Protein backbone atom coordinates (compact mmCIF):
# COMPACT_ATOMS: atom_id res chain seq x y z
CA MET A 1 -142.67 162.26 76.56
CA ALA A 2 -143.62 165.53 78.24
CA HIS A 3 -145.71 163.63 80.78
CA GLU A 4 -142.89 161.21 81.50
CA LEU A 5 -140.22 163.87 81.83
CA SER A 6 -142.41 165.92 84.16
CA GLY A 7 -142.85 162.90 86.44
CA ARG A 8 -146.41 162.04 85.43
CA LEU A 9 -145.51 158.43 84.66
CA ASP A 10 -149.02 157.00 84.89
CA GLU A 11 -150.28 159.41 82.25
CA ALA A 12 -147.23 158.82 80.07
CA ILE A 13 -147.60 155.05 80.27
CA GLN A 14 -151.28 155.29 79.38
CA MET A 15 -150.48 157.46 76.35
CA TYR A 16 -147.60 155.21 75.27
CA ARG A 17 -149.89 152.16 75.49
CA SER A 18 -152.45 153.95 73.28
CA SER A 19 -149.71 154.87 70.85
CA CYS A 20 -148.57 151.24 70.66
CA GLU A 21 -152.11 150.08 69.97
CA LEU A 22 -152.60 152.70 67.26
CA THR A 23 -149.29 151.98 65.53
CA GLY A 24 -149.41 148.21 65.75
CA GLU A 25 -146.44 148.15 68.09
CA LEU A 26 -143.86 149.92 65.99
CA PRO A 27 -140.45 149.81 67.69
CA ALA A 28 -140.16 153.54 68.53
CA PRO A 29 -143.41 153.87 70.52
CA LEU A 30 -142.78 150.48 72.10
CA SER A 31 -139.36 151.64 73.32
CA LEU A 32 -140.94 154.74 74.88
CA LEU A 33 -143.38 152.52 76.74
CA GLY A 34 -140.54 150.23 77.82
CA HIS A 35 -138.55 153.15 79.19
CA ALA A 36 -141.50 154.57 81.13
CA VAL A 37 -142.50 151.26 82.71
CA ALA A 38 -138.86 150.62 83.65
CA VAL A 39 -138.57 154.02 85.32
CA SER A 40 -141.83 153.37 87.16
CA GLY A 41 -140.29 150.23 88.66
CA GLU A 42 -142.09 147.68 86.50
CA THR A 43 -138.86 146.01 85.43
CA ALA A 44 -140.46 142.68 84.53
CA GLU A 45 -142.80 144.40 82.09
CA ALA A 46 -139.91 146.45 80.71
CA ARG A 47 -138.03 143.21 80.03
CA ARG A 48 -141.08 141.73 78.27
CA ILE A 49 -141.23 144.84 76.10
CA MET A 50 -137.51 144.46 75.43
CA ALA A 51 -138.11 140.90 74.24
CA ARG A 52 -140.84 142.16 71.89
CA LEU A 53 -138.50 144.86 70.58
CA LEU A 54 -135.78 142.32 69.91
CA ALA A 55 -138.29 140.05 68.16
CA LEU A 56 -139.36 143.01 66.00
CA SER A 57 -135.71 143.69 65.14
CA GLY A 58 -136.04 147.15 66.65
CA GLN A 59 -133.47 149.83 66.06
CA PRO A 60 -130.49 149.59 68.42
CA ALA A 61 -131.22 153.11 69.70
CA ASP A 62 -134.77 152.05 70.63
CA ILE A 63 -133.40 149.11 72.57
CA ALA A 64 -130.93 151.43 74.31
CA VAL A 65 -133.86 153.61 75.45
CA VAL A 66 -135.37 150.70 77.38
CA TYR A 67 -132.03 149.75 78.90
CA ALA A 68 -131.62 153.41 79.91
CA GLY A 69 -134.93 153.16 81.77
CA LEU A 70 -133.65 150.06 83.52
CA ARG A 71 -130.47 152.00 84.40
CA GLU A 72 -128.28 149.26 82.94
CA ALA A 73 -125.31 151.33 81.82
CA ASP A 74 -123.28 148.62 80.09
CA GLU A 75 -126.22 147.33 78.04
CA THR A 76 -127.36 150.87 77.21
CA MET A 77 -123.87 151.71 75.97
CA ARG A 78 -123.58 148.44 74.05
CA TRP A 79 -126.74 149.23 72.06
CA LEU A 80 -125.75 152.88 71.54
CA GLU A 81 -122.41 151.69 70.20
CA ILE A 82 -124.18 149.31 67.80
CA ALA A 83 -126.30 152.23 66.60
CA ALA A 84 -123.14 154.33 66.17
CA ARG A 85 -121.44 151.60 64.11
CA GLU A 86 -124.54 151.48 61.93
CA ARG A 87 -124.50 155.30 61.68
CA LEU A 88 -128.15 155.55 62.64
CA LEU A 89 -129.78 158.97 62.72
CA HIS A 90 -131.59 157.98 65.93
CA LEU A 91 -128.37 158.85 67.80
CA ILE A 92 -128.37 162.54 66.94
CA PRO A 93 -130.58 163.63 69.88
CA VAL A 94 -129.04 161.24 72.45
CA PRO A 95 -126.51 163.69 73.97
CA ALA A 96 -129.33 166.14 74.80
CA ASP A 97 -131.98 163.52 75.62
CA PRO A 98 -132.97 163.78 79.32
CA ARG A 99 -133.46 160.01 79.49
CA PHE A 100 -129.70 159.58 79.08
CA VAL A 101 -128.51 162.33 81.47
CA TRP A 102 -127.68 159.78 84.18
CA LEU A 103 -125.32 158.08 81.73
CA GLN A 104 -123.30 161.14 80.71
CA SER A 105 -120.60 160.50 83.31
CA HIS A 106 -120.04 156.98 81.98
CA PRO A 107 -116.58 156.80 80.34
CA ARG A 108 -117.96 155.21 77.15
CA PHE A 109 -120.65 157.87 76.72
């Protein structure tokens, strides 16, 4: 994440891909990859990753991460709200997570 947050998206994407290969595509690393490719402008690939996450029954917070990369506020909030209803611990860092800063002015945030 340090590479991604410092703007070195190519390095971040390469590391996220390696992580996905090593973990057998667990939802959390896959969501990180989805966010990074979305931010890099590869929205079609981000949507393919989203489809894989949904097929894996990924955590709602992981799905929200990819939607955050796509800058789709309503969908990001919908999945964060699902995670909140399920009382998932994945939500604890969201208010301080730099990937969600753009969303903080949203009324539902």
